[in-house]
């Protein structure tokens, strides 16, 4: 893109604007800094940044050397970050200065030999000191000589991208995507059975690509994938460098930059955005706005109706998939019968039974959703989970992340939910075991079980059922404070329910269905 259309705007963030030529030059400087620190092709480069140009500069700078970009959830606490840096074998870390204290905690928890050899701290907030041993990001980039390229290595479709996602044990695991597979999969999600076009032909013909605003973080696949897809087609990505959703800022940026597409994560984003529009329906000129895409969490028909009533020319798009596989999408317009999203089974999207058979339309058996075609290689350093998720069925390899479903006679997939007890809250995956372990370390907690309870805004709310120790009374605020010491904020239960007994089975198993009902009744 830098060669084809150097003056096109690639990234916008507040008053900062980077053309494709400038983005390429900045990424080249990142590659020089990495190489100067001894970073080589195949090494892992972790990125712990908010939605800012530095995220994409570091991403593409790593790729120039053939390094593997590694996403880091900036909500992690020190112990969680330490696990990811160790598990990913990251040799470099680029981070916003707001997260310096967390990075310091993580480094203290890692053996010296496992710490990244290069730390690049991006100045963003005022008054935050640089970590000992870290380099200032801009100073490092400005100091290099780019008269010669950082590498003569040609990029390869086999170059990897790591996307860390939650695991059923509560620990994140890295999904390994080949660059070519990810590129083709993103294209085919909306255009099944077709191959991506030659971008040069489109650019030379003067075709204008879309302007996108990812309202969700680049640190997650939903935001990152749509940004990569937009840039690869010559489009512009508008970024908001704040850690939390600001609905007014989103609509203001959409108006200011003539954004056509905004990407969100279900009702957790859609409801606040709708609320801002309802409060001031005449405030913004959204005449250029064309679509809202959502992935990670389904959004309710009620929210869709509210948005379409105020934005009748906008198309609402539900994307189906996971970090382990991009599947398909469906669209809703103001003239449609607005109902929960429905997806069709086909050659690439299937439902597979536990004994390895594909469920045909009208077959009443329950199975797990699977996607074929370009899919990840597996999980990094986890052959057992790779074998369980990436399976060959009827001679074809599928990614089967764990969503249970059936197939109606007309081929419509009816989603039933995750097979595990995973809680999806606002697009973030929370696994009960990890939260339960944190809670059980509280001296007043005898036993506990964590469940997800349906919530209008977040999709699911994390709720802890706690059995107190004998002669102990527990306060919700104290339990929350205890959890916050070791868990990211989104993992901390929003409610704590004290119970006399968790009614475990003789084998010690918890009845999650029963306990979810108990939790629902207690907080209703």
Protein backbone atom coordinates (compact mmCIF):
# COMPACT_ATOMS: atom_id res chain seq x y z
CA UNK A 1 0.00 0.00 0.00
CA UNK A 2 2.88 2.38 0.77
CA UNK A 3 4.15 1.81 -2.76
CA UNK A 4 0.76 1.91 -4.49
CA UNK A 5 -0.86 4.84 -2.69
CA UNK A 6 1.68 6.45 -0.36
CA UNK A 7 -0.40 9.55 0.36
CA UNK A 8 -3.57 7.72 1.38
CA UNK A 9 -4.41 8.06 5.05
CA UNK A 10 -3.87 4.77 6.87
CA UNK A 11 -4.38 5.69 10.53
CA UNK A 12 -6.16 8.51 12.35
CA UNK A 13 -5.96 9.02 16.12
CA UNK A 14 -7.17 12.31 17.57
CA UNK A 15 -5.16 14.95 15.67
CA UNK A 16 -2.57 12.43 14.42
CA UNK A 17 -2.78 11.23 10.82
CA UNK A 18 -0.41 8.73 9.24
CA UNK A 19 -0.32 8.07 5.51
CA UNK A 20 0.56 4.59 4.31
CA UNK A 21 4.06 5.85 3.49
CA UNK A 22 4.45 7.26 7.01
CA UNK A 23 3.08 4.10 8.63
CA UNK A 24 5.50 2.02 6.58
CA UNK A 25 8.41 4.27 7.55
CA UNK A 26 7.50 4.12 11.24
CA UNK A 27 7.18 0.34 11.07
CA UNK A 28 10.59 0.21 9.39
CA UNK A 29 12.05 2.15 12.30
CA UNK A 30 10.48 -0.33 14.75
CA UNK A 31 12.12 -3.15 12.77
CA UNK A 32 15.51 -1.40 13.05
CA UNK A 33 15.10 -1.00 16.82
CA UNK A 34 14.16 -4.66 17.20
CA UNK A 35 17.08 -5.81 15.08
CA UNK A 36 19.44 -3.58 17.05
CA UNK A 37 18.36 -5.37 20.23
CA UNK A 38 19.19 -8.75 18.72
CA UNK A 39 15.61 -9.69 17.83
CA UNK A 40 15.50 -12.14 14.92
CA UNK A 41 13.00 -13.70 12.54
CA UNK A 42 10.67 -16.04 14.41
CA UNK A 43 11.07 -14.22 17.73
CA UNK A 44 7.95 -13.07 19.56
CA UNK A 45 7.14 -9.37 20.05
CA UNK A 46 4.42 -8.60 22.62
CA UNK A 47 2.26 -5.48 22.25
CA UNK A 48 0.45 -4.05 25.29
CA UNK A 49 -1.03 -0.88 23.85
CA UNK A 50 -4.39 0.79 23.62
CA UNK A 51 -5.91 1.66 20.25
CA UNK A 52 -3.17 3.98 19.04
CA UNK A 53 -0.89 4.14 15.99
CA UNK A 54 1.95 2.57 17.98
CA UNK A 55 -0.01 -0.69 18.10
CA UNK A 56 -0.04 -1.04 14.32
CA UNK A 57 3.50 0.35 13.95
CA UNK A 58 4.83 -2.31 16.32
CA UNK A 59 2.70 -5.00 14.67
CA UNK A 60 3.97 -4.31 11.15
CA UNK A 61 7.50 -3.55 12.37
CA UNK A 62 7.66 -7.03 13.89
CA UNK A 63 6.34 -8.56 10.68
CA UNK A 64 9.01 -6.81 8.61
CA UNK A 65 11.62 -8.91 10.43
CA UNK A 66 9.52 -12.06 10.27
CA UNK A 67 8.82 -11.81 13.99
CA UNK A 68 5.54 -12.94 15.54
CA UNK A 69 3.27 -10.18 16.92
CA UNK A 70 1.73 -11.17 20.27
CA UNK A 71 -1.39 -9.42 21.60
CA UNK A 72 -1.48 -8.56 25.31
CA UNK A 73 -4.64 -7.74 27.22
CA UNK A 74 -3.88 -4.40 28.88
CA UNK A 75 -6.32 -5.24 31.67
CA UNK A 76 -4.01 -7.96 32.97
CA UNK A 77 -2.38 -7.67 36.37
CA UNK A 78 1.28 -8.48 36.89
CA UNK A 79 0.98 -12.24 37.44
CA UNK A 80 -1.20 -12.65 34.34
CA UNK A 81 1.20 -10.64 32.18
CA UNK A 82 4.14 -12.64 33.53
CA UNK A 83 2.43 -15.87 32.48
CA UNK A 84 1.81 -14.59 28.95
CA UNK A 85 5.35 -13.27 28.46
CA UNK A 86 6.77 -16.57 29.65
CA UNK A 87 4.34 -18.75 27.73
CA UNK A 88 4.83 -16.83 24.47
CA UNK A 89 8.64 -16.65 24.79
CA UNK A 90 8.41 -12.93 24.02
CA UNK A 91 11.81 -11.26 23.63
CA UNK A 92 10.43 -7.72 23.25
CA UNK A 93 7.52 -5.81 24.77
CA UNK A 94 5.99 -2.56 23.49
CA UNK A 95 3.64 -0.99 26.04
CA UNK A 96 1.85 2.25 26.86
CA UNK A 97 3.24 4.01 29.93
CA UNK A 98 -0.07 3.64 31.79
CA UNK A 99 0.81 -0.04 32.16
CA UNK A 100 4.38 0.49 33.38
CA UNK A 101 3.61 -0.60 36.95
CA UNK A 102 1.99 -3.81 35.70
CA UNK A 103 4.98 -4.49 33.46
CA UNK A 104 7.28 -3.91 36.45
CA UNK A 105 5.31 -6.42 38.54
CA UNK A 106 5.44 -8.97 35.73
CA UNK A 107 9.19 -8.58 35.27
CA UNK A 108 9.71 -9.10 39.01
CA UNK A 109 7.76 -12.34 38.81
CA UNK A 110 9.83 -13.68 35.90
CA UNK A 111 13.27 -15.30 36.21
CA UNK A 112 15.96 -13.06 34.73
CA UNK A 113 16.47 -15.35 31.76
CA UNK A 114 12.77 -15.22 30.83
CA UNK A 115 12.41 -11.44 30.76
CA UNK A 116 12.12 -9.63 27.40
CA UNK A 117 15.48 -8.23 26.30
CA UNK A 118 13.84 -5.10 24.85
CA UNK A 119 11.25 -2.88 26.55
CA UNK A 120 9.80 0.04 24.56
CA UNK A 121 7.67 2.39 26.67
CA UNK A 122 5.25 4.57 24.69
CA UNK A 123 4.68 8.01 26.23
CA UNK A 124 0.94 8.57 26.46
CA UNK A 125 -0.08 9.85 29.91
CA UNK A 126 1.56 12.69 31.82
CA UNK A 127 3.90 12.21 34.73
CA UNK A 128 4.62 8.47 34.43
CA UNK A 129 8.28 7.59 34.87
CA UNK A 130 9.99 5.20 32.52
CA UNK A 131 10.73 1.73 33.89
CA UNK A 132 14.34 0.98 34.65
CA UNK A 133 15.88 -0.66 31.62
CA UNK A 134 13.13 0.48 29.24
CA UNK A 135 13.68 2.73 26.23
CA UNK A 136 11.43 5.58 25.18
CA UNK A 137 9.56 4.42 22.07
CA UNK A 138 9.81 7.66 20.05
CA UNK A 139 13.40 8.32 21.07
CA UNK A 140 14.39 4.82 20.00
CA UNK A 141 12.63 5.15 16.64
CA UNK A 142 14.10 8.58 15.93
CA UNK A 143 17.64 7.41 16.73
CA UNK A 144 17.90 4.74 14.02
CA UNK A 145 19.31 5.14 10.53
CA UNK A 146 16.77 3.95 7.95
CA UNK A 147 18.89 4.65 4.88
CA UNK A 148 19.18 0.87 4.54
CA UNK A 149 16.30 -1.57 5.16
CA UNK A 150 16.25 -3.43 8.46
CA UNK A 151 16.15 -6.70 6.55
CA UNK A 152 16.24 -7.97 2.98
CA UNK A 153 14.00 -10.87 3.98
CA UNK A 154 10.88 -11.26 1.84
CA UNK A 155 7.62 -11.63 3.79
CA UNK A 156 6.05 -15.07 3.66
CA UNK A 157 2.50 -16.34 3.87
CA UNK A 158 3.83 -18.72 6.51
CA UNK A 159 4.72 -15.84 8.84
CA UNK A 160 2.78 -16.24 12.09
CA UNK A 161 0.49 -14.03 14.14
CA UNK A 162 -0.28 -15.03 17.74
CA UNK A 163 -3.72 -14.28 19.10
CA UNK A 164 -3.96 -15.03 22.81
CA UNK A 165 -7.37 -16.15 23.97
CA UNK A 166 -8.69 -17.62 27.20
CA UNK A 167 -8.37 -21.31 28.01
CA UNK A 168 -10.68 -23.71 29.83
CA UNK A 169 -8.10 -23.94 32.61
CA UNK A 170 -8.28 -20.18 33.09
CA UNK A 171 -4.91 -19.56 31.43
CA UNK A 172 -4.68 -17.87 28.03
CA UNK A 173 -3.33 -19.78 25.05
CA UNK A 174 -1.92 -18.51 21.77
CA UNK A 175 -3.80 -19.31 18.57
CA UNK A 176 -1.26 -19.53 15.74
CA UNK A 177 -2.47 -17.98 12.48
CA UNK A 178 -0.49 -18.08 9.24
CA UNK A 179 -0.72 -14.64 7.64
CA UNK A 180 -2.10 -16.01 4.36
CA UNK A 181 -4.74 -18.11 6.13
CA UNK A 182 -5.93 -15.14 8.17
CA UNK A 183 -6.06 -12.88 5.10
CA UNK A 184 -8.09 -15.35 3.03
CA UNK A 185 -10.35 -16.26 5.97
CA UNK A 186 -11.23 -12.62 6.61
CA UNK A 187 -12.14 -12.18 2.96
CA UNK A 188 -14.21 -15.36 2.75
CA UNK A 189 -16.25 -14.61 5.87
CA UNK A 190 -18.38 -12.25 3.78
CA UNK A 191 -17.68 -13.83 0.38
CA UNK A 192 -17.66 -17.64 0.76
CA UNK A 193 -15.93 -19.58 -1.98
CA UNK A 194 -14.15 -16.60 -3.52
CA UNK A 195 -10.51 -15.57 -3.52
CA UNK A 196 -9.28 -12.11 -2.46
CA UNK A 197 -8.81 -9.73 -5.40
CA UNK A 198 -5.58 -8.16 -6.54
CA UNK A 199 -5.41 -5.02 -4.41
CA UNK A 200 -3.10 -3.23 -6.85
CA UNK A 201 -5.77 -3.41 -9.57
CA UNK A 202 -8.33 -1.79 -7.27
CA UNK A 203 -5.93 0.92 -6.11
CA UNK A 204 -4.75 1.75 -9.63
CA UNK A 205 -8.37 1.99 -10.73
CA UNK A 206 -8.88 4.68 -8.10
CA UNK A 207 -11.26 2.63 -5.97
CA UNK A 208 -11.88 4.23 -2.56
CA UNK A 209 -11.78 1.82 0.37
CA UNK A 210 -13.84 2.15 3.53
CA UNK A 211 -12.99 4.10 6.66
CA UNK A 212 -13.34 1.97 9.79
CA UNK A 213 -13.52 2.72 13.50
CA UNK A 214 -12.90 -0.28 15.78
CA UNK A 215 -14.70 0.72 19.00
CA UNK A 216 -13.35 -2.48 20.58
CA UNK A 217 -9.68 -2.98 21.52
CA UNK A 218 -7.03 -3.99 18.98
CA UNK A 219 -5.73 -6.35 21.67
CA UNK A 220 -8.65 -8.68 20.81
CA UNK A 221 -9.25 -10.45 17.53
CA UNK A 222 -12.47 -8.55 16.76
CA UNK A 223 -10.71 -5.20 16.64
CA UNK A 224 -7.37 -6.35 15.27
CA UNK A 225 -8.73 -8.51 12.46
CA UNK A 226 -11.05 -5.84 11.07
CA UNK A 227 -8.23 -3.27 11.26
CA UNK A 228 -5.84 -5.57 9.39
CA UNK A 229 -8.50 -6.31 6.77
CA UNK A 230 -9.21 -2.60 6.26
CA UNK A 231 -5.56 -1.62 5.92
CA UNK A 232 -4.86 -4.51 3.57
CA UNK A 233 -7.51 -3.15 1.22
CA UNK A 234 -6.23 0.41 1.34
CA UNK A 235 -8.80 1.71 3.81
CA UNK A 236 -8.41 4.07 6.75
CA UNK A 237 -8.57 2.97 10.40
CA UNK A 238 -9.73 5.56 12.96
CA UNK A 239 -8.51 4.88 16.50
CA UNK A 240 -9.61 6.11 19.93
CA UNK A 241 -6.75 5.74 22.41
CA UNK A 242 -8.81 5.33 25.58
CA UNK A 243 -9.06 2.16 27.70
CA UNK A 244 -12.86 2.25 27.93
CA UNK A 245 -15.76 2.82 25.58
CA UNK A 246 -16.75 6.50 25.31
CA UNK A 247 -19.98 6.58 23.25
CA UNK A 248 -19.85 10.35 22.69
CA UNK A 249 -16.25 10.10 21.48
CA UNK A 250 -17.19 7.25 19.13
CA UNK A 251 -20.07 9.12 17.46
CA UNK A 252 -18.01 12.32 17.31
CA UNK A 253 -15.15 10.51 15.55
CA UNK A 254 -17.57 8.82 13.15
CA UNK A 255 -18.94 12.24 12.21
CA UNK A 256 -15.56 14.00 12.05
CA UNK A 257 -13.80 11.36 9.91
CA UNK A 258 -16.76 10.30 7.73
CA UNK A 259 -16.46 6.75 9.08
CA UNK A 260 -18.47 4.18 7.13
CA UNK A 261 -18.06 1.15 9.41
CA UNK A 262 -17.82 0.74 13.19
CA UNK A 263 -16.95 -2.54 14.89
CA UNK A 264 -18.28 -3.43 18.35
CA UNK A 265 -18.75 -6.40 20.68
CA UNK A 266 -22.46 -7.03 21.19
CA UNK A 267 -24.78 -5.22 23.57
CA UNK A 268 -21.95 -4.27 25.93
CA UNK A 269 -21.01 -1.72 23.27
CA UNK A 270 -24.29 -1.32 21.39
CA UNK A 271 -26.41 -0.30 24.38
CA UNK A 272 -24.22 2.65 25.48
CA UNK A 273 -23.89 3.77 21.85
CA UNK A 274 -27.67 3.63 21.47
CA UNK A 275 -28.12 5.50 24.75
CA UNK A 276 -25.92 8.36 23.53
CA UNK A 277 -27.89 8.59 20.28
CA UNK A 278 -31.23 8.55 22.09
CA UNK A 279 -30.07 11.29 24.47
CA UNK A 280 -28.98 13.57 21.59
CA UNK A 281 -30.50 12.28 18.32
CA UNK A 282 -29.71 15.46 16.39
CA UNK A 283 -26.16 16.04 17.65
CA UNK A 284 -24.18 14.19 14.98
CA UNK A 285 -24.22 14.18 11.18
CA UNK A 286 -23.93 10.47 10.41
CA UNK A 287 -24.86 10.64 6.74
CA UNK A 288 -21.64 8.85 5.68
CA UNK A 289 -22.16 6.01 8.16
CA UNK A 290 -23.11 2.68 6.58
CA UNK A 291 -22.62 -0.32 8.90
CA UNK A 292 -22.02 -1.61 12.42
CA UNK A 293 -20.33 -4.99 12.70
CA UNK A 294 -20.40 -7.05 15.88
CA UNK A 295 -18.46 -10.14 16.85
CA UNK A 296 -17.69 -12.02 20.04
CA UNK A 297 -21.15 -11.54 21.59
CA UNK A 298 -24.57 -11.57 20.00
CA UNK A 299 -26.59 -8.39 20.36
CA UNK A 300 -30.26 -8.26 21.16
CA UNK A 301 -33.07 -7.56 18.68
CA UNK A 302 -34.26 -4.78 21.01
CA UNK A 303 -30.96 -2.93 20.70
CA UNK A 304 -30.91 -3.46 16.95
CA UNK A 305 -34.41 -2.01 16.62
CA UNK A 306 -33.38 1.04 18.61
CA UNK A 307 -30.32 1.66 16.46
CA UNK A 308 -32.14 1.13 13.17
CA UNK A 309 -34.93 3.47 14.25
CA UNK A 310 -32.33 6.25 14.56
CA UNK A 311 -30.04 5.03 11.75
CA UNK A 312 -32.41 3.59 9.11
CA UNK A 313 -29.76 3.51 6.35
CA UNK A 314 -27.25 1.54 8.41
CA UNK A 315 -26.73 -2.23 8.07
CA UNK A 316 -26.12 -4.24 11.26
CA UNK A 317 -23.79 -7.19 10.77
CA UNK A 318 -23.38 -10.17 13.11
CA UNK A 319 -20.11 -12.08 12.66
CA UNK A 320 -19.86 -15.69 13.79
CA UNK A 321 -16.53 -17.09 14.81
CA UNK A 322 -13.80 -17.24 17.41
CA UNK A 323 -10.09 -16.62 17.74
CA UNK A 324 -9.70 -20.19 16.49
CA UNK A 325 -11.70 -19.71 13.30
CA UNK A 326 -13.56 -17.03 11.34
CA UNK A 327 -16.86 -18.41 10.11
CA UNK A 328 -19.58 -16.34 8.52
CA UNK A 329 -21.85 -13.35 9.04
CA UNK A 330 -25.43 -12.21 8.63
CA UNK A 331 -26.92 -8.77 7.99
CA UNK A 332 -29.94 -6.89 9.36
CA UNK A 333 -31.55 -3.78 7.85
CA UNK A 334 -34.39 -1.54 8.93
CA UNK A 335 -36.76 -3.22 6.47
CA UNK A 336 -36.04 -6.71 7.86
CA UNK A 337 -37.90 -8.70 10.48
CA UNK A 338 -35.44 -8.03 13.31
CA UNK A 339 -34.75 -11.27 15.16
CA UNK A 340 -31.76 -12.97 16.80
CA UNK A 341 -28.94 -13.58 14.32
CA UNK A 342 -29.22 -16.75 12.29
CA UNK A 343 -26.44 -18.46 10.34
CA UNK A 344 -26.46 -21.19 7.69
CA UNK A 345 -24.55 -24.46 7.71
CA UNK A 346 -22.67 -25.35 4.55
CA UNK A 347 -19.52 -26.94 3.21
CA UNK A 348 -17.26 -24.70 5.30
CA UNK A 349 -19.50 -24.22 8.39
CA UNK A 350 -20.64 -27.46 10.01
CA UNK A 351 -21.91 -28.94 13.25
CA UNK A 352 -19.98 -32.01 14.43
CA UNK A 353 -21.18 -34.59 16.95
CA UNK A 354 -19.01 -35.85 19.80
CA UNK A 355 -18.38 -39.06 17.83
CA UNK A 356 -17.09 -37.15 14.81
CA UNK A 357 -20.04 -37.03 12.43
CA UNK A 358 -21.33 -33.97 10.56
CA UNK A 359 -24.91 -33.09 11.52
CA UNK A 360 -27.09 -32.79 8.41
CA UNK A 361 -30.08 -30.39 8.10
CA UNK A 362 -33.01 -31.79 10.02
CA UNK A 363 -30.87 -34.20 12.03
CA UNK A 364 -31.88 -33.47 15.63
CA UNK A 365 -28.54 -34.38 17.14
CA UNK A 366 -26.55 -31.78 19.06
CA UNK A 367 -22.95 -31.13 18.05
CA UNK A 368 -20.26 -28.48 18.14
CA UNK A 369 -19.82 -25.75 15.58
CA UNK A 370 -16.83 -26.16 13.26
CA UNK A 371 -15.23 -24.18 10.46
CA UNK A 372 -13.04 -25.51 7.66
CA UNK A 373 -10.89 -23.86 5.02
CA UNK A 374 -8.15 -21.44 6.12
CA UNK A 375 -7.90 -21.95 9.88
CA UNK A 376 -5.10 -21.66 12.48
CA UNK A 377 -2.28 -24.16 12.83
CA UNK A 378 -3.19 -24.78 16.46
CA UNK A 379 -2.20 -23.54 19.91
CA UNK A 380 1.40 -22.60 20.71
CA UNK A 381 3.11 -25.19 22.92
CA UNK A 382 -0.13 -27.07 23.58
CA UNK A 383 -0.45 -30.18 21.38
CA UNK A 384 -3.21 -31.71 23.52
CA UNK A 385 -5.57 -28.74 23.19
CA UNK A 386 -4.61 -28.41 19.53
CA UNK A 387 -5.67 -32.00 18.90
CA UNK A 388 -8.93 -31.46 20.78
CA UNK A 389 -9.91 -28.25 18.93
CA UNK A 390 -8.45 -28.74 15.44
CA UNK A 391 -9.85 -32.05 14.24
CA UNK A 392 -10.16 -33.93 10.98
CA UNK A 393 -13.79 -34.89 10.31
CA UNK A 394 -14.83 -36.85 7.22
CA UNK A 395 -11.46 -36.15 5.63
CA UNK A 396 -11.43 -32.39 6.24
CA UNK A 397 -9.69 -30.37 8.94
CA UNK A 398 -11.96 -28.18 11.09
CA UNK A 399 -11.56 -25.77 13.96
CA UNK A 400 -14.09 -26.70 16.66
CA UNK A 401 -13.75 -24.15 19.50
CA UNK A 402 -16.56 -25.55 21.67
CA UNK A 403 -19.89 -23.91 20.78
CA UNK A 404 -22.77 -26.39 20.87
CA UNK A 405 -25.42 -26.15 18.16
CA UNK A 406 -28.08 -27.97 16.13
CA UNK A 407 -29.04 -27.68 12.45
CA UNK A 408 -32.65 -26.96 11.46
CA UNK A 409 -34.21 -28.61 8.38
CA UNK A 410 -33.54 -25.46 6.31
CA UNK A 411 -29.84 -25.54 7.23
CA UNK A 412 -30.05 -22.80 9.86
CA UNK A 413 -27.63 -23.24 12.75
CA UNK A 414 -29.22 -22.92 16.17
CA UNK A 415 -26.53 -21.93 18.69
CA UNK A 416 -26.84 -23.45 22.15
CA UNK A 417 -23.84 -21.94 23.93
CA UNK A 418 -20.37 -22.89 25.04
CA UNK A 419 -19.78 -26.45 26.05
CA UNK A 420 -17.62 -25.39 28.97
CA UNK A 421 -18.63 -23.11 31.81
CA UNK A 422 -16.88 -20.20 30.11
CA UNK A 423 -18.47 -16.82 30.84
CA UNK A 424 -18.56 -14.24 28.03
CA UNK A 425 -18.87 -10.80 29.59
CA UNK A 426 -18.72 -7.87 27.19
CA UNK A 427 -16.59 -9.85 24.76
CA UNK A 428 -14.08 -10.89 27.44
CA UNK A 429 -13.79 -14.58 28.29
CA UNK A 430 -13.81 -15.40 31.99
CA UNK A 431 -13.20 -18.95 33.15
CA UNK A 432 -14.67 -19.88 36.56
CA UNK A 433 -11.72 -21.95 37.78
CA UNK A 434 -9.36 -18.98 37.80
CA UNK A 435 -11.77 -16.74 39.71
CA UNK A 436 -12.62 -19.54 42.12
CA UNK A 437 -8.94 -20.07 42.90
CA UNK A 438 -8.55 -16.38 43.68
CA UNK A 439 -11.62 -16.38 45.93
CA UNK A 440 -10.61 -19.51 47.80
CA UNK A 441 -7.39 -17.82 48.90
CA UNK A 442 -9.55 -15.50 51.06
CA UNK A 443 -9.44 -16.77 54.67
CA UNK A 444 -13.18 -16.32 55.13
CA UNK A 445 -14.17 -18.38 52.06
CA UNK A 446 -14.78 -22.06 52.65
CA UNK A 447 -15.91 -22.88 49.12
CA UNK A 448 -17.14 -21.05 46.04
CA UNK A 449 -18.46 -21.49 42.50
CA UNK A 450 -18.47 -18.82 39.81
CA UNK A 451 -21.22 -18.70 37.16
CA UNK A 452 -22.40 -16.43 34.39
CA UNK A 453 -25.85 -14.85 34.72
CA UNK A 454 -27.63 -13.27 31.75
CA UNK A 455 -27.25 -9.50 31.68
CA UNK A 456 -28.77 -6.98 29.26
CA UNK A 457 -25.62 -4.96 28.80
CA UNK A 458 -22.72 -7.38 29.23
CA UNK A 459 -24.30 -10.50 27.78
CA UNK A 460 -23.30 -12.35 30.94
CA UNK A 461 -22.41 -11.05 34.39
CA UNK A 462 -19.81 -12.83 36.54
CA UNK A 463 -21.44 -13.92 39.81
CA UNK A 464 -19.74 -15.78 42.67
CA UNK A 465 -21.66 -18.07 45.00
CA UNK A 466 -19.68 -18.20 48.23
CA UNK A 467 -19.93 -20.60 51.14
CA UNK A 468 -18.39 -18.74 54.11
CA UNK A 469 -16.16 -20.38 56.67
CA UNK A 470 -17.80 -21.23 60.00
CA UNK A 471 -18.83 -18.18 62.04
CA UNK A 472 -17.75 -15.84 59.25
CA UNK A 473 -19.69 -13.03 57.60
CA UNK A 474 -18.39 -11.84 54.25
CA UNK A 475 -18.87 -8.37 52.76
CA UNK A 476 -19.14 -8.07 48.96
CA UNK A 477 -16.77 -5.10 48.85
CA UNK A 478 -14.09 -7.03 50.76
CA UNK A 479 -14.37 -10.03 48.43
CA UNK A 480 -14.17 -7.76 45.38
CA UNK A 481 -11.05 -6.04 46.75
CA UNK A 482 -9.46 -9.44 47.41
CA UNK A 483 -10.10 -10.55 43.81
CA UNK A 484 -8.82 -7.30 42.33
CA UNK A 485 -5.41 -7.94 43.86
CA UNK A 486 -4.76 -10.86 41.52
CA UNK A 487 -7.34 -10.64 38.72
CA UNK A 488 -8.03 -8.25 35.85
CA UNK A 489 -11.05 -6.07 36.59
CA UNK A 490 -13.38 -7.76 34.11
CA UNK A 491 -12.82 -11.11 35.85
CA UNK A 492 -13.86 -9.82 39.26
CA UNK A 493 -17.44 -10.91 40.06
CA UNK A 494 -19.97 -8.09 39.90
CA UNK A 495 -22.03 -9.80 42.62
CA UNK A 496 -21.23 -12.16 45.49
CA UNK A 497 -23.99 -14.39 46.85
CA UNK A 498 -23.52 -16.10 50.22
CA UNK A 499 -25.03 -19.60 50.44
CA UNK A 500 -25.23 -22.17 53.21
CA UNK A 501 -24.10 -24.97 50.91
CA UNK A 502 -23.00 -25.28 47.30
CA UNK A 503 -24.69 -28.68 47.11
CA UNK A 504 -21.75 -30.41 45.46
CA UNK A 505 -22.16 -34.03 44.38
CA UNK A 506 -20.52 -36.84 46.37
CA UNK A 507 -17.67 -36.71 43.85
CA UNK A 508 -17.19 -33.00 44.60
CA UNK A 509 -18.68 -31.81 41.31
CA UNK A 510 -20.63 -28.57 41.17
CA UNK A 511 -24.03 -28.46 39.48
CA UNK A 512 -23.49 -25.28 37.45
CA UNK A 513 -27.00 -25.27 36.03
CA UNK A 514 -28.55 -25.43 39.51
CA UNK A 515 -26.18 -22.84 40.95
CA UNK A 516 -26.81 -20.46 38.06
CA UNK A 517 -30.51 -20.60 38.95
CA UNK A 518 -29.66 -19.91 42.60
CA UNK A 519 -27.58 -16.92 41.54
CA UNK A 520 -30.32 -15.57 39.23
CA UNK A 521 -32.91 -15.76 42.01
CA UNK A 522 -30.60 -14.16 44.57
CA UNK A 523 -29.76 -11.09 42.46
CA UNK A 524 -33.14 -10.61 40.81
